N, C-alpha and C. Protein backbone atom coordinates (compact mmCIF):
# COMPACT_ATOMS: atom_id res chain seq x y z
N MET A 1 114.24 -70.38 118.59
CA MET A 1 114.28 -68.92 118.45
C MET A 1 115.63 -68.50 117.88
N GLU A 2 116.69 -69.10 118.40
CA GLU A 2 118.03 -68.73 117.95
C GLU A 2 118.17 -68.95 116.44
N ALA A 3 117.66 -70.07 115.94
CA ALA A 3 117.75 -70.35 114.51
C ALA A 3 116.94 -69.35 113.69
N LEU A 4 115.77 -68.97 114.19
CA LEU A 4 114.96 -67.97 113.49
C LEU A 4 115.68 -66.63 113.43
N VAL A 5 116.31 -66.24 114.53
CA VAL A 5 117.06 -64.99 114.57
C VAL A 5 118.22 -65.05 113.57
N GLU A 6 118.93 -66.17 113.55
CA GLU A 6 120.05 -66.31 112.61
C GLU A 6 119.56 -66.28 111.16
N ARG A 7 118.46 -66.96 110.88
CA ARG A 7 117.94 -67.03 109.50
C ARG A 7 117.46 -65.69 108.99
N THR A 8 117.09 -64.79 109.90
CA THR A 8 116.65 -63.45 109.48
C THR A 8 117.79 -62.45 109.46
N GLY A 9 119.00 -62.91 109.77
CA GLY A 9 120.16 -62.03 109.74
C GLY A 9 120.26 -61.08 110.91
N LEU A 10 119.59 -61.40 112.01
CA LEU A 10 119.58 -60.51 113.17
C LEU A 10 120.41 -61.01 114.34
N ALA A 11 121.28 -61.99 114.10
CA ALA A 11 122.08 -62.56 115.19
C ALA A 11 122.96 -61.51 115.86
N GLY A 12 123.38 -60.50 115.14
CA GLY A 12 124.18 -59.44 115.72
C GLY A 12 123.37 -58.44 116.54
N GLU A 13 122.05 -58.49 116.40
CA GLU A 13 121.16 -57.55 117.08
C GLU A 13 120.41 -58.17 118.26
N ILE A 14 120.17 -59.47 118.17
CA ILE A 14 119.34 -60.16 119.17
C ILE A 14 120.13 -61.31 119.77
N THR A 15 120.19 -61.35 121.09
CA THR A 15 120.83 -62.44 121.81
C THR A 15 119.76 -63.35 122.38
N VAL A 16 119.92 -64.65 122.17
CA VAL A 16 118.95 -65.64 122.64
C VAL A 16 119.63 -66.57 123.63
N ASP A 17 118.94 -66.87 124.70
CA ASP A 17 119.44 -67.84 125.68
C ASP A 17 118.25 -68.63 126.19
N SER A 18 118.51 -69.75 126.80
CA SER A 18 117.46 -70.60 127.33
C SER A 18 117.85 -71.05 128.73
N ALA A 19 116.88 -71.01 129.63
CA ALA A 19 117.13 -71.44 131.01
C ALA A 19 115.81 -71.87 131.63
N GLY A 20 115.90 -72.76 132.57
CA GLY A 20 114.71 -73.23 133.29
C GLY A 20 114.64 -72.61 134.67
N THR A 21 113.49 -72.75 135.30
CA THR A 21 113.34 -72.20 136.64
C THR A 21 113.81 -73.18 137.72
N ALA A 22 114.02 -74.43 137.36
CA ALA A 22 114.54 -75.43 138.30
C ALA A 22 115.90 -75.91 137.80
N ALA A 23 116.68 -76.46 138.71
CA ALA A 23 118.05 -76.86 138.36
C ALA A 23 118.21 -78.35 138.13
N TYR A 24 117.14 -79.12 138.20
CA TYR A 24 117.32 -80.57 138.16
C TYR A 24 117.81 -81.13 136.83
N HIS A 25 117.80 -80.37 135.76
CA HIS A 25 118.36 -80.83 134.48
C HIS A 25 119.61 -80.05 134.08
N ALA A 26 120.12 -79.22 134.99
CA ALA A 26 121.28 -78.38 134.68
C ALA A 26 122.42 -79.22 134.13
N GLY A 27 122.99 -78.73 133.02
CA GLY A 27 124.12 -79.40 132.38
C GLY A 27 123.72 -80.45 131.36
N GLU A 28 122.46 -80.82 131.33
CA GLU A 28 122.00 -81.85 130.39
C GLU A 28 121.60 -81.24 129.05
N ARG A 29 121.67 -82.06 128.03
CA ARG A 29 121.17 -81.67 126.71
C ARG A 29 119.66 -81.84 126.69
N ALA A 30 119.02 -81.28 125.69
CA ALA A 30 117.57 -81.44 125.53
C ALA A 30 117.24 -82.92 125.37
N ASP A 31 116.02 -83.27 125.71
CA ASP A 31 115.53 -84.63 125.55
C ASP A 31 115.81 -85.12 124.13
N SER A 32 116.16 -86.37 123.99
CA SER A 32 116.52 -86.91 122.67
C SER A 32 115.36 -86.79 121.68
N ARG A 33 114.12 -86.91 122.16
CA ARG A 33 112.97 -86.76 121.26
C ARG A 33 112.82 -85.32 120.80
N SER A 34 113.14 -84.36 121.65
CA SER A 34 113.13 -82.96 121.23
C SER A 34 114.19 -82.71 120.18
N ARG A 35 115.39 -83.24 120.42
CA ARG A 35 116.48 -83.04 119.46
C ARG A 35 116.15 -83.71 118.13
N GLN A 36 115.55 -84.89 118.17
CA GLN A 36 115.18 -85.59 116.94
C GLN A 36 114.11 -84.82 116.16
N THR A 37 113.11 -84.32 116.86
CA THR A 37 112.05 -83.54 116.21
C THR A 37 112.64 -82.28 115.58
N ALA A 38 113.48 -81.58 116.32
CA ALA A 38 114.10 -80.36 115.79
C ALA A 38 114.96 -80.69 114.57
N ARG A 39 115.77 -81.72 114.67
CA ARG A 39 116.66 -82.10 113.57
C ARG A 39 115.85 -82.43 112.31
N SER A 40 114.71 -83.08 112.47
CA SER A 40 113.89 -83.45 111.30
C SER A 40 113.33 -82.21 110.61
N ARG A 41 113.38 -81.07 111.29
CA ARG A 41 112.87 -79.82 110.72
C ARG A 41 113.99 -78.83 110.40
N GLY A 42 115.23 -79.30 110.48
CA GLY A 42 116.35 -78.45 110.09
C GLY A 42 116.93 -77.60 111.20
N PHE A 43 116.63 -77.92 112.44
CA PHE A 43 117.16 -77.19 113.59
C PHE A 43 118.04 -78.13 114.42
N GLU A 44 119.05 -77.58 115.05
CA GLU A 44 119.89 -78.35 115.98
C GLU A 44 119.75 -77.75 117.37
N LEU A 45 119.50 -78.58 118.35
CA LEU A 45 119.42 -78.14 119.73
C LEU A 45 120.72 -78.55 120.42
N GLU A 46 121.64 -77.61 120.47
CA GLU A 46 122.99 -77.89 120.99
C GLU A 46 123.20 -77.46 122.43
N SER A 47 122.35 -76.60 122.94
CA SER A 47 122.59 -76.01 124.27
C SER A 47 122.43 -77.04 125.39
N ARG A 48 122.93 -76.65 126.54
CA ARG A 48 122.80 -77.45 127.76
C ARG A 48 121.93 -76.66 128.74
N ALA A 49 121.14 -77.37 129.50
CA ALA A 49 120.23 -76.74 130.45
C ALA A 49 120.98 -75.99 131.54
N ARG A 50 120.40 -74.85 131.92
CA ARG A 50 120.91 -74.09 133.06
C ARG A 50 119.71 -73.49 133.78
N GLN A 51 119.94 -73.09 135.01
CA GLN A 51 118.88 -72.48 135.80
C GLN A 51 118.90 -70.96 135.62
N PHE A 52 117.73 -70.38 135.44
CA PHE A 52 117.58 -68.94 135.34
C PHE A 52 117.93 -68.33 136.69
N ARG A 53 118.65 -67.20 136.65
CA ARG A 53 119.07 -66.50 137.87
C ARG A 53 118.52 -65.08 137.86
N ALA A 54 118.36 -64.51 139.04
CA ALA A 54 117.81 -63.15 139.15
C ALA A 54 118.63 -62.16 138.33
N GLU A 55 119.94 -62.34 138.26
CA GLU A 55 120.77 -61.41 137.49
C GLU A 55 120.49 -61.48 135.98
N ASP A 56 119.83 -62.55 135.52
CA ASP A 56 119.48 -62.63 134.10
C ASP A 56 118.51 -61.53 133.69
N PHE A 57 117.72 -61.03 134.64
CA PHE A 57 116.81 -59.94 134.32
C PHE A 57 117.56 -58.72 133.82
N GLY A 58 118.77 -58.51 134.29
CA GLY A 58 119.58 -57.39 133.85
C GLY A 58 120.22 -57.61 132.49
N ARG A 59 120.27 -58.84 132.04
CA ARG A 59 120.91 -59.18 130.76
C ARG A 59 119.94 -59.19 129.59
N PHE A 60 118.65 -59.34 129.86
CA PHE A 60 117.68 -59.54 128.78
C PHE A 60 116.51 -58.58 128.88
N ASP A 61 116.00 -58.18 127.72
CA ASP A 61 114.82 -57.32 127.65
C ASP A 61 113.53 -58.12 127.72
N TYR A 62 113.59 -59.39 127.32
CA TYR A 62 112.42 -60.26 127.31
C TYR A 62 112.77 -61.54 128.07
N VAL A 63 111.88 -61.93 128.98
CA VAL A 63 112.01 -63.19 129.70
C VAL A 63 110.72 -63.94 129.40
N VAL A 64 110.84 -65.05 128.69
CA VAL A 64 109.67 -65.72 128.15
C VAL A 64 109.49 -67.09 128.81
N ALA A 65 108.31 -67.31 129.35
CA ALA A 65 107.98 -68.57 130.02
C ALA A 65 107.08 -69.42 129.12
N MET A 66 107.20 -70.72 129.29
CA MET A 66 106.39 -71.65 128.50
C MET A 66 105.01 -71.90 129.12
N ASP A 67 104.91 -71.75 130.44
CA ASP A 67 103.63 -72.02 131.09
C ASP A 67 103.44 -71.12 132.31
N ALA A 68 102.23 -71.15 132.83
CA ALA A 68 101.87 -70.26 133.94
C ALA A 68 102.70 -70.53 135.19
N SER A 69 103.02 -71.76 135.46
CA SER A 69 103.81 -72.09 136.65
C SER A 69 105.19 -71.46 136.57
N ASN A 70 105.85 -71.59 135.43
CA ASN A 70 107.17 -70.98 135.25
C ASN A 70 107.06 -69.46 135.19
N TYR A 71 106.00 -68.95 134.62
CA TYR A 71 105.76 -67.51 134.62
C TYR A 71 105.73 -67.00 136.07
N ASP A 72 104.94 -67.65 136.91
CA ASP A 72 104.83 -67.25 138.31
C ASP A 72 106.18 -67.33 139.03
N ASN A 73 106.93 -68.39 138.76
CA ASN A 73 108.26 -68.56 139.38
C ASN A 73 109.20 -67.43 138.96
N LEU A 74 109.15 -67.05 137.69
CA LEU A 74 110.03 -65.99 137.20
C LEU A 74 109.65 -64.64 137.79
N VAL A 75 108.37 -64.34 137.86
CA VAL A 75 107.92 -63.07 138.44
C VAL A 75 108.34 -63.00 139.91
N ALA A 76 108.22 -64.13 140.62
CA ALA A 76 108.62 -64.16 142.03
C ALA A 76 110.13 -63.95 142.20
N LEU A 77 110.90 -64.36 141.22
CA LEU A 77 112.36 -64.23 141.28
C LEU A 77 112.83 -62.82 140.90
N ALA A 78 111.98 -62.09 140.23
CA ALA A 78 112.37 -60.76 139.74
C ALA A 78 112.78 -59.85 140.89
N PRO A 79 113.91 -59.15 140.75
CA PRO A 79 114.39 -58.27 141.83
C PRO A 79 113.62 -56.95 141.94
N SER A 80 112.78 -56.65 140.97
CA SER A 80 112.00 -55.41 141.01
C SER A 80 110.73 -55.60 140.18
N ARG A 81 109.81 -54.66 140.35
CA ARG A 81 108.58 -54.69 139.56
C ARG A 81 108.90 -54.54 138.06
N ALA A 82 109.87 -53.68 137.74
CA ALA A 82 110.26 -53.49 136.33
C ALA A 82 110.83 -54.77 135.74
N ALA A 83 111.61 -55.49 136.51
CA ALA A 83 112.17 -56.76 136.04
C ALA A 83 111.04 -57.77 135.82
N GLY A 84 110.11 -57.83 136.75
CA GLY A 84 108.98 -58.74 136.61
C GLY A 84 108.12 -58.43 135.39
N ALA A 85 108.08 -57.17 134.99
CA ALA A 85 107.30 -56.78 133.81
C ALA A 85 107.91 -57.31 132.52
N LYS A 86 109.15 -57.77 132.56
CA LYS A 86 109.79 -58.36 131.37
C LYS A 86 109.28 -59.76 131.07
N VAL A 87 108.61 -60.38 132.03
CA VAL A 87 108.17 -61.78 131.89
C VAL A 87 106.86 -61.85 131.12
N SER A 88 106.80 -62.76 130.17
CA SER A 88 105.57 -63.01 129.42
C SER A 88 105.52 -64.48 129.05
N LEU A 89 104.34 -64.92 128.67
CA LEU A 89 104.17 -66.28 128.15
C LEU A 89 104.49 -66.29 126.66
N LEU A 90 105.15 -67.31 126.18
CA LEU A 90 105.50 -67.40 124.76
C LEU A 90 104.27 -67.28 123.88
N ARG A 91 103.22 -68.00 124.24
CA ARG A 91 102.05 -68.04 123.36
C ARG A 91 101.29 -66.71 123.34
N ALA A 92 101.59 -65.81 124.27
CA ALA A 92 100.94 -64.50 124.28
C ALA A 92 101.28 -63.69 123.03
N PHE A 93 102.38 -64.01 122.38
CA PHE A 93 102.79 -63.28 121.19
C PHE A 93 102.10 -63.79 119.93
N ASP A 94 101.53 -64.98 119.99
CA ASP A 94 100.88 -65.60 118.83
C ASP A 94 99.41 -65.19 118.80
N PRO A 95 99.02 -64.37 117.81
CA PRO A 95 97.64 -63.88 117.78
C PRO A 95 96.60 -64.99 117.58
N ALA A 96 97.01 -66.17 117.14
CA ALA A 96 96.08 -67.27 116.93
C ALA A 96 95.85 -68.08 118.21
N THR A 97 96.45 -67.67 119.31
CA THR A 97 96.39 -68.42 120.56
C THR A 97 95.51 -67.70 121.58
N PRO A 98 94.69 -68.45 122.32
CA PRO A 98 93.87 -67.81 123.36
C PRO A 98 94.74 -67.21 124.47
N ASN A 99 94.25 -66.15 125.11
CA ASN A 99 94.98 -65.51 126.21
C ASN A 99 95.29 -66.52 127.31
N GLY A 100 96.51 -66.44 127.84
CA GLY A 100 96.91 -67.28 128.95
C GLY A 100 97.26 -68.71 128.61
N ALA A 101 97.35 -69.04 127.32
CA ALA A 101 97.62 -70.42 126.91
C ALA A 101 99.06 -70.81 127.22
N ASP A 102 99.22 -72.01 127.75
CA ASP A 102 100.53 -72.58 128.03
C ASP A 102 101.03 -73.38 126.84
N VAL A 103 102.34 -73.56 126.77
CA VAL A 103 102.92 -74.57 125.88
C VAL A 103 102.76 -75.88 126.65
N PRO A 104 102.08 -76.86 126.07
CA PRO A 104 101.87 -78.11 126.81
C PRO A 104 103.18 -78.90 126.95
N ASP A 105 103.20 -79.78 127.92
CA ASP A 105 104.35 -80.66 128.13
C ASP A 105 104.32 -81.76 127.08
N PRO A 106 105.35 -81.89 126.26
CA PRO A 106 105.32 -82.89 125.19
C PRO A 106 105.30 -84.33 125.70
N TYR A 107 105.73 -84.55 126.93
CA TYR A 107 105.77 -85.90 127.48
C TYR A 107 104.40 -86.51 127.60
N TYR A 108 103.38 -85.67 127.69
CA TYR A 108 102.01 -86.16 127.87
C TYR A 108 101.16 -85.97 126.63
N GLY A 109 101.80 -85.70 125.50
CA GLY A 109 101.07 -85.41 124.27
C GLY A 109 100.90 -86.57 123.32
N GLY A 110 101.20 -87.77 123.77
CA GLY A 110 101.04 -88.94 122.91
C GLY A 110 102.11 -88.98 121.83
N PRO A 111 101.86 -89.78 120.79
CA PRO A 111 102.87 -89.98 119.74
C PRO A 111 103.29 -88.71 119.02
N ARG A 112 102.40 -87.73 118.94
CA ARG A 112 102.72 -86.47 118.25
C ARG A 112 103.09 -85.35 119.21
N GLY A 113 103.25 -85.66 120.48
CA GLY A 113 103.49 -84.64 121.49
C GLY A 113 104.64 -83.71 121.17
N PHE A 114 105.77 -84.26 120.78
CA PHE A 114 106.94 -83.41 120.50
C PHE A 114 106.76 -82.61 119.22
N ASP A 115 106.11 -83.21 118.20
CA ASP A 115 105.83 -82.46 116.97
C ASP A 115 104.86 -81.32 117.24
N ASP A 116 103.81 -81.60 118.01
CA ASP A 116 102.83 -80.56 118.31
C ASP A 116 103.45 -79.41 119.09
N VAL A 117 104.27 -79.73 120.08
CA VAL A 117 104.91 -78.69 120.88
C VAL A 117 105.91 -77.90 120.03
N PHE A 118 106.60 -78.57 119.13
CA PHE A 118 107.52 -77.85 118.25
C PHE A 118 106.74 -76.86 117.39
N ASP A 119 105.60 -77.29 116.85
CA ASP A 119 104.77 -76.38 116.04
C ASP A 119 104.34 -75.16 116.86
N ILE A 120 103.90 -75.40 118.10
CA ILE A 120 103.46 -74.32 118.98
C ILE A 120 104.62 -73.36 119.26
N CYS A 121 105.78 -73.92 119.58
CA CYS A 121 106.94 -73.08 119.89
C CYS A 121 107.43 -72.31 118.67
N GLU A 122 107.42 -72.95 117.51
CA GLU A 122 107.85 -72.25 116.31
C GLU A 122 106.93 -71.07 116.00
N ALA A 123 105.62 -71.27 116.13
CA ALA A 123 104.67 -70.17 115.89
C ALA A 123 104.86 -69.06 116.92
N GLY A 124 105.05 -69.43 118.17
CA GLY A 124 105.26 -68.43 119.22
C GLY A 124 106.55 -67.67 119.02
N CYS A 125 107.62 -68.37 118.67
CA CYS A 125 108.91 -67.72 118.45
C CYS A 125 108.87 -66.79 117.25
N GLN A 126 108.20 -67.21 116.19
CA GLN A 126 108.09 -66.34 115.01
C GLN A 126 107.32 -65.07 115.36
N ALA A 127 106.24 -65.23 116.13
CA ALA A 127 105.46 -64.07 116.54
C ALA A 127 106.26 -63.17 117.50
N LEU A 128 107.03 -63.78 118.40
CA LEU A 128 107.89 -63.01 119.30
C LEU A 128 108.94 -62.24 118.50
N LEU A 129 109.54 -62.88 117.53
CA LEU A 129 110.55 -62.21 116.70
C LEU A 129 109.93 -61.03 115.95
N THR A 130 108.75 -61.20 115.42
CA THR A 130 108.05 -60.10 114.74
C THR A 130 107.80 -58.96 115.73
N HIS A 131 107.37 -59.29 116.93
CA HIS A 131 107.13 -58.29 117.96
C HIS A 131 108.41 -57.52 118.29
N ILE A 132 109.50 -58.24 118.48
CA ILE A 132 110.78 -57.60 118.80
C ILE A 132 111.21 -56.67 117.66
N CYS A 133 111.09 -57.15 116.44
CA CYS A 133 111.47 -56.33 115.28
C CYS A 133 110.62 -55.07 115.21
N ASP A 134 109.33 -55.21 115.45
CA ASP A 134 108.44 -54.04 115.42
C ASP A 134 108.77 -53.06 116.55
N GLN A 135 108.98 -53.58 117.74
CA GLN A 135 109.23 -52.73 118.91
C GLN A 135 110.57 -52.01 118.86
N HIS A 136 111.55 -52.62 118.20
CA HIS A 136 112.90 -52.08 118.20
C HIS A 136 113.38 -51.64 116.80
N GLN A 137 112.42 -51.50 115.89
CA GLN A 137 112.69 -51.07 114.52
C GLN A 137 113.85 -51.84 113.89
N LEU A 138 113.77 -53.17 113.98
CA LEU A 138 114.78 -54.04 113.36
C LEU A 138 114.21 -54.60 112.07
N ALA A 139 115.03 -54.70 111.06
CA ALA A 139 114.60 -55.24 109.78
C ALA A 139 115.38 -56.50 109.48
N ALA A 140 114.64 -57.55 109.15
CA ALA A 140 115.28 -58.81 108.76
C ALA A 140 115.92 -58.63 107.40
N SER A 141 117.06 -59.31 107.23
CA SER A 141 117.73 -59.21 105.92
C SER A 141 117.50 -60.44 105.09
């Protein structure tokens, strides 16, 4: 998402961050297969994992989950009903995706698992970016 925002010239308008609902990978880089897949497509995954905190709801307008389990965890963590309303599934923004669809875990996707998940995430992020631009009257340059 961050690379898409930068490529559209909206880095000064949109802040992107990534965090998980559990802390067991905190401080680690993305899986080497994820980094390799991203790199082969012109993206670099430089961030380190961190755990999402309740105060993050005050920092962001959109809180996006990859699957229903994380969606539920985020809604439960929300300090208010309004904060919980910020949570959505990534694939909900992609009109080509069925309602309620999760981003699958690439570890169980066979030889193409990481490529398939990257494709899903790229489509979801592009649709999310379009949604944000439409909702906030932002124009890509």
